[in-house]
N, C-alpha and C. Protein backbone atom coordinates (compact mmCIF):
# COMPACT_ATOMS: atom_id res chain seq x y z
N MET A 1 -54.68 35.91 -50.64
CA MET A 1 -53.62 35.86 -50.44
C MET A 1 -52.71 36.23 -51.71
N ILE A 2 -51.94 37.08 -51.79
CA ILE A 2 -50.98 37.42 -53.14
C ILE A 2 -50.02 36.35 -53.23
N MET A 3 -49.67 35.67 -54.19
CA MET A 3 -48.72 34.67 -54.19
C MET A 3 -47.39 35.53 -54.82
N THR A 4 -46.28 35.30 -54.30
CA THR A 4 -44.85 35.79 -54.82
C THR A 4 -44.08 34.66 -55.28
N ALA A 5 -42.95 35.22 -55.93
CA ALA A 5 -41.86 34.05 -56.29
C ALA A 5 -41.23 33.20 -54.67
N ILE A 6 -41.12 32.22 -54.80
CA ILE A 6 -40.25 31.54 -53.59
C ILE A 6 -38.88 31.67 -53.90
N ASN A 7 -37.84 32.28 -52.92
CA ASN A 7 -36.43 32.15 -52.98
C ASN A 7 -36.38 30.79 -52.67
N LEU A 8 -35.54 30.07 -53.42
CA LEU A 8 -35.02 28.64 -53.34
C LEU A 8 -33.50 28.68 -53.06
N ASN A 9 -33.33 27.75 -52.01
CA ASN A 9 -31.98 27.32 -51.58
C ASN A 9 -31.80 25.80 -52.09
N ARG A 10 -30.82 25.30 -52.06
CA ARG A 10 -30.61 23.99 -52.47
C ARG A 10 -31.49 22.91 -52.15
N GLU A 11 -31.75 23.06 -50.70
CA GLU A 11 -32.80 21.89 -50.02
C GLU A 11 -34.10 22.24 -50.68
N LEU A 12 -34.64 23.71 -50.44
CA LEU A 12 -35.78 23.66 -51.20
C LEU A 12 -36.12 23.38 -52.33
N PHE A 13 -34.93 23.89 -53.10
CA PHE A 13 -34.83 23.45 -54.59
C PHE A 13 -35.43 21.79 -54.80
N GLU A 14 -34.63 21.09 -54.29
CA GLU A 14 -34.81 19.63 -54.13
C GLU A 14 -36.48 19.36 -53.92
N ASN A 15 -36.85 19.80 -53.05
CA ASN A 15 -38.30 19.62 -52.48
C ASN A 15 -39.00 20.06 -53.66
N TYR A 16 -38.95 21.26 -54.30
CA TYR A 16 -40.01 21.77 -55.17
C TYR A 16 -39.84 21.00 -56.69
N VAL A 17 -38.48 20.95 -56.98
CA VAL A 17 -38.32 20.13 -58.32
C VAL A 17 -38.77 18.84 -58.23
N ASN A 18 -38.59 18.07 -57.25
CA ASN A 18 -38.95 16.80 -57.23
C ASN A 18 -40.55 16.40 -56.99
N ASP A 19 -41.56 17.65 -56.89
CA ASP A 19 -42.98 17.54 -56.49
C ASP A 19 -43.50 16.68 -57.90
N GLU A 20 -43.98 15.63 -57.66
CA GLU A 20 -44.71 15.15 -58.80
C GLU A 20 -46.16 15.91 -59.23
N ASN A 21 -46.68 16.42 -58.10
CA ASN A 21 -48.02 17.03 -58.42
C ASN A 21 -48.16 18.20 -59.25
N LYS A 22 -47.08 18.93 -59.01
CA LYS A 22 -47.22 20.57 -59.32
C LYS A 22 -45.85 20.96 -59.83
N ALA A 23 -45.79 21.42 -61.08
CA ALA A 23 -44.67 21.97 -61.83
C ALA A 23 -44.22 23.02 -60.97
N VAL A 24 -42.90 23.36 -61.12
CA VAL A 24 -42.16 24.47 -60.74
C VAL A 24 -41.47 25.24 -61.64
N LEU A 25 -41.63 26.73 -61.84
CA LEU A 25 -40.92 27.43 -62.57
C LEU A 25 -40.05 28.24 -62.06
N VAL A 26 -38.70 27.99 -62.19
CA VAL A 26 -37.49 28.59 -61.42
C VAL A 26 -36.83 29.52 -62.37
N ASP A 27 -36.73 30.79 -61.73
CA ASP A 27 -35.80 32.07 -62.45
C ASP A 27 -34.62 31.90 -61.89
N TYR A 28 -33.56 31.40 -62.53
CA TYR A 28 -31.94 31.63 -62.23
C TYR A 28 -31.65 33.00 -62.61
N TRP A 29 -31.07 33.82 -61.68
CA TRP A 29 -30.94 35.26 -61.62
C TRP A 29 -29.88 35.59 -60.71
N ALA A 30 -29.40 36.95 -60.73
CA ALA A 30 -28.37 37.56 -59.79
C ALA A 30 -28.54 38.99 -59.77
N PRO A 31 -28.31 39.61 -58.46
CA PRO A 31 -28.44 41.12 -58.29
C PRO A 31 -28.03 42.07 -59.21
N TRP A 32 -26.91 41.40 -59.62
CA TRP A 32 -25.93 42.42 -60.71
C TRP A 32 -26.59 42.64 -61.97
N CYS A 33 -27.60 41.46 -62.22
CA CYS A 33 -27.95 41.41 -63.63
C CYS A 33 -28.95 42.25 -64.08
N VAL A 34 -28.75 43.18 -64.90
CA VAL A 34 -29.74 44.36 -65.02
C VAL A 34 -30.98 43.79 -65.74
N TYR A 35 -30.99 42.74 -66.70
CA TYR A 35 -32.05 42.37 -67.50
C TYR A 35 -32.83 41.63 -66.31
N CYS A 36 -32.19 40.77 -65.46
CA CYS A 36 -33.04 40.06 -64.42
C CYS A 36 -33.90 41.19 -63.56
N ARG A 37 -33.38 42.26 -63.11
CA ARG A 37 -34.02 43.00 -62.22
C ARG A 37 -35.25 43.94 -63.16
N ARG A 38 -34.95 43.93 -64.68
CA ARG A 38 -35.99 44.46 -65.38
C ARG A 38 -37.24 43.34 -65.53
N ILE A 39 -36.90 42.12 -65.85
CA ILE A 39 -38.13 41.31 -65.90
C ILE A 39 -38.72 40.86 -64.50
N ALA A 40 -38.16 41.33 -63.52
CA ALA A 40 -38.63 40.81 -62.05
C ALA A 40 -40.09 41.23 -61.82
N PRO A 41 -40.50 42.29 -62.06
CA PRO A 41 -41.93 42.85 -61.79
C PRO A 41 -42.78 41.63 -62.66
N ALA A 42 -42.67 41.41 -63.90
CA ALA A 42 -43.29 40.52 -64.90
C ALA A 42 -43.24 39.24 -64.35
N TYR A 43 -42.24 38.93 -63.70
CA TYR A 43 -42.30 37.51 -63.13
C TYR A 43 -42.93 37.43 -61.82
N GLU A 44 -43.05 38.61 -61.05
CA GLU A 44 -43.94 38.71 -60.12
C GLU A 44 -45.37 38.43 -60.15
N LYS A 45 -45.90 39.05 -61.36
CA LYS A 45 -47.13 39.05 -62.00
C LYS A 45 -47.46 37.28 -62.25
N ILE A 46 -46.33 36.82 -62.88
CA ILE A 46 -46.66 35.49 -63.31
C ILE A 46 -46.90 34.50 -62.08
N ALA A 47 -46.06 34.67 -60.95
CA ALA A 47 -46.30 34.17 -59.52
C ALA A 47 -47.82 34.42 -59.13
N GLU A 48 -48.19 35.75 -59.45
CA GLU A 48 -49.76 36.05 -58.69
C GLU A 48 -50.72 35.23 -59.71
N GLN A 49 -50.47 35.36 -60.88
CA GLN A 49 -51.40 34.56 -61.95
C GLN A 49 -51.47 33.13 -61.83
N TYR A 50 -50.25 32.46 -61.71
CA TYR A 50 -50.10 31.05 -61.87
C TYR A 50 -50.05 30.35 -60.57
N GLY A 51 -49.69 31.08 -59.53
CA GLY A 51 -49.50 30.54 -58.43
C GLY A 51 -50.36 29.36 -57.79
N ASN A 52 -51.58 29.41 -58.20
CA ASN A 52 -52.26 28.11 -57.85
C ASN A 52 -52.21 26.82 -58.94
N LEU A 53 -51.32 27.31 -59.94
CA LEU A 53 -51.14 26.24 -60.76
C LEU A 53 -50.03 25.41 -60.79
N ILE A 54 -48.88 26.26 -60.80
CA ILE A 54 -47.52 25.94 -60.66
C ILE A 54 -46.90 26.75 -59.35
N HIS A 55 -45.66 25.99 -58.92
CA HIS A 55 -44.86 26.91 -58.02
C HIS A 55 -43.86 27.84 -58.75
N VAL A 56 -43.90 29.21 -58.31
CA VAL A 56 -43.06 29.94 -58.95
C VAL A 56 -41.97 30.30 -58.23
N ALA A 57 -40.72 30.32 -58.59
CA ALA A 57 -39.64 30.34 -57.84
C ALA A 57 -38.40 31.08 -58.35
N LYS A 58 -37.42 31.32 -57.66
CA LYS A 58 -36.28 32.10 -57.95
C LYS A 58 -34.92 31.37 -57.22
N VAL A 59 -33.80 31.41 -58.07
CA VAL A 59 -32.65 30.85 -57.39
C VAL A 59 -31.46 32.19 -57.81
N ASN A 60 -31.09 32.70 -56.64
CA ASN A 60 -29.94 33.68 -56.82
C ASN A 60 -28.60 32.68 -56.99
N ILE A 61 -28.23 32.89 -58.30
CA ILE A 61 -26.85 32.06 -58.73
C ILE A 61 -25.83 32.27 -57.94
N ASP A 62 -25.76 33.52 -57.30
CA ASP A 62 -24.40 34.14 -56.50
C ASP A 62 -24.32 33.43 -55.14
N GLU A 63 -25.47 33.17 -54.54
CA GLU A 63 -25.98 32.14 -53.32
C GLU A 63 -25.76 30.88 -53.52
N GLU A 64 -26.24 30.32 -54.77
CA GLU A 64 -26.56 28.87 -54.91
C GLU A 64 -25.63 28.71 -56.24
N GLN A 65 -24.28 28.89 -56.19
CA GLN A 65 -23.45 28.62 -57.42
C GLN A 65 -23.36 27.18 -57.92
N ALA A 66 -23.17 26.27 -56.75
CA ALA A 66 -23.41 24.99 -57.08
C ALA A 66 -24.57 24.39 -58.02
N LEU A 67 -25.78 25.13 -57.44
CA LEU A 67 -26.97 24.67 -58.15
C LEU A 67 -27.12 25.21 -59.42
N ALA A 68 -26.30 26.27 -59.69
CA ALA A 68 -26.57 26.79 -61.10
C ALA A 68 -25.51 25.88 -62.06
N ILE A 69 -24.38 25.42 -61.66
CA ILE A 69 -23.48 24.58 -62.19
C ILE A 69 -24.14 23.08 -62.59
N GLN A 70 -24.89 22.89 -61.49
CA GLN A 70 -25.47 21.49 -61.65
C GLN A 70 -26.77 21.54 -62.60
N GLU A 71 -27.29 22.46 -62.67
CA GLU A 71 -28.36 22.71 -63.81
C GLU A 71 -27.97 23.24 -65.04
N GLN A 72 -26.51 23.48 -65.09
CA GLN A 72 -25.97 24.03 -66.40
C GLN A 72 -26.65 25.29 -66.84
N ILE A 73 -26.60 26.34 -66.01
CA ILE A 73 -27.12 27.56 -66.25
C ILE A 73 -25.84 28.39 -66.67
N GLU A 74 -25.86 28.82 -67.98
CA GLU A 74 -24.99 29.68 -68.25
C GLU A 74 -25.08 31.13 -68.57
N VAL A 75 -26.28 31.42 -69.12
CA VAL A 75 -26.99 32.55 -69.23
C VAL A 75 -28.13 33.15 -68.16
N ILE A 76 -27.95 34.28 -67.61
CA ILE A 76 -29.21 34.71 -66.99
C ILE A 76 -29.80 35.84 -67.40
N PRO A 77 -30.95 36.15 -67.37
CA PRO A 77 -31.96 35.05 -66.64
C PRO A 77 -32.42 34.02 -67.44
N THR A 78 -32.35 32.58 -66.97
CA THR A 78 -32.85 31.54 -67.49
C THR A 78 -33.91 30.86 -66.66
N LEU A 79 -35.13 30.77 -67.29
CA LEU A 79 -36.30 30.04 -66.66
C LEU A 79 -36.29 28.94 -67.09
N VAL A 80 -36.51 27.75 -66.09
CA VAL A 80 -36.52 26.26 -66.37
C VAL A 80 -37.83 26.00 -65.46
N LEU A 81 -38.75 25.10 -66.48
CA LEU A 81 -39.77 24.49 -65.77
C LEU A 81 -39.63 23.05 -65.42
N TYR A 82 -39.89 22.49 -64.26
CA TYR A 82 -39.47 21.38 -63.83
C TYR A 82 -41.01 20.67 -63.34
N LYS A 83 -40.72 19.32 -63.37
CA LYS A 83 -41.73 18.56 -62.56
C LYS A 83 -41.50 17.30 -62.40
N GLY A 84 -41.69 16.69 -61.47
CA GLY A 84 -41.58 15.44 -60.96
C GLY A 84 -39.80 15.17 -61.13
N GLY A 85 -38.84 16.09 -60.87
CA GLY A 85 -37.41 15.87 -60.91
C GLY A 85 -36.87 15.97 -62.18
N GLN A 86 -37.55 16.26 -63.22
CA GLN A 86 -37.29 16.56 -64.72
C GLN A 86 -37.48 17.98 -65.27
N ALA A 87 -36.52 18.28 -65.94
CA ALA A 87 -36.56 19.76 -66.54
C ALA A 87 -37.60 19.51 -67.94
N LEU A 88 -38.73 20.28 -68.09
CA LEU A 88 -39.41 20.10 -68.96
C LEU A 88 -39.00 20.87 -70.27
N GLY A 89 -38.40 22.04 -69.91
CA GLY A 89 -37.86 23.16 -70.95
C GLY A 89 -37.25 24.21 -70.32
N SER A 90 -36.94 25.10 -71.06
CA SER A 90 -36.29 26.54 -70.55
C SER A 90 -36.42 27.64 -71.68
N ILE A 91 -36.38 28.99 -71.03
CA ILE A 91 -36.29 29.89 -71.82
C ILE A 91 -35.13 31.00 -71.22
N VAL A 92 -34.42 31.48 -72.21
CA VAL A 92 -33.36 32.30 -71.78
C VAL A 92 -33.86 33.89 -72.05
N ALA A 93 -33.72 34.66 -70.89
CA ALA A 93 -33.97 36.19 -71.27
C ALA A 93 -35.10 36.38 -71.97
N PRO A 94 -36.33 35.91 -71.45
CA PRO A 94 -37.63 36.19 -72.05
C PRO A 94 -37.73 37.74 -71.99
N GLU A 95 -38.50 37.98 -73.26
CA GLU A 95 -38.71 39.70 -73.24
C GLU A 95 -39.86 40.37 -72.65
N SER A 96 -40.89 39.41 -72.34
CA SER A 96 -41.94 40.06 -71.79
C SER A 96 -42.86 39.07 -70.78
N LYS A 97 -43.62 39.42 -70.19
CA LYS A 97 -44.45 38.70 -69.39
C LYS A 97 -45.35 37.54 -70.27
N ALA A 98 -45.53 38.11 -71.53
CA ALA A 98 -46.35 37.47 -72.46
C ALA A 98 -45.48 36.21 -73.03
N ALA A 99 -44.25 36.48 -73.08
CA ALA A 99 -43.25 35.23 -73.62
C ALA A 99 -43.10 34.36 -72.41
N ILE A 100 -43.12 34.51 -71.19
CA ILE A 100 -43.04 33.61 -70.14
C ILE A 100 -44.45 32.98 -70.28
N GLU A 101 -45.58 33.51 -70.11
CA GLU A 101 -46.96 32.78 -70.02
C GLU A 101 -46.95 31.71 -71.49
N ALA A 102 -46.60 32.21 -72.55
CA ALA A 102 -46.60 31.39 -73.84
C ALA A 102 -45.51 30.37 -73.41
N PHE A 103 -44.54 30.26 -72.87
CA PHE A 103 -43.52 29.30 -72.72
C PHE A 103 -44.19 28.34 -71.59
N ILE A 104 -45.01 28.88 -70.41
CA ILE A 104 -45.78 28.10 -69.49
C ILE A 104 -46.76 26.99 -70.21
N GLN A 105 -47.42 27.94 -70.98
CA GLN A 105 -48.57 27.24 -71.59
C GLN A 105 -48.14 26.10 -72.73
N GLU A 106 -47.49 26.40 -73.17
CA GLU A 106 -46.89 25.46 -74.46
C GLU A 106 -46.18 24.38 -73.86
N THR A 107 -45.13 24.47 -72.69
CA THR A 107 -44.49 23.61 -72.16
C THR A 107 -45.56 22.45 -71.26
N LEU A 108 -46.51 23.14 -70.79
CA LEU A 108 -47.22 22.43 -69.96
C LEU A 108 -48.53 21.95 -70.65
N ASN A 109 -48.62 22.41 -72.11
CA ASN A 109 -49.83 21.96 -72.65
C ASN A 109 -51.34 22.27 -71.99
N LEU A 110 -50.96 23.77 -71.75
CA LEU A 110 -52.44 24.22 -71.20
C LEU A 110 -53.45 24.77 -72.17
């Protein structure tokens, strides 16, 4: 089964972010964001590659504005890694799949 990024709404966000067992990488994005669309294929590859290790998810900030405000997202795309209800780290506008991988590995000490 090929893993793909999960689209999160507020309720799903709370469930995934508060998971004590598995970290979740959340991509805050919007359909009008050109750079978000450009990095999307690399993000889907991350979902395929790391789907067994972490949850890989997306939040459309146009649909979930309150969530973006709550999480203090000011620039998109912003990727945030959460575990057990805590944000472990974030990366803004990663330039490549390699940059996303490096962020995951450094943040989770893999």
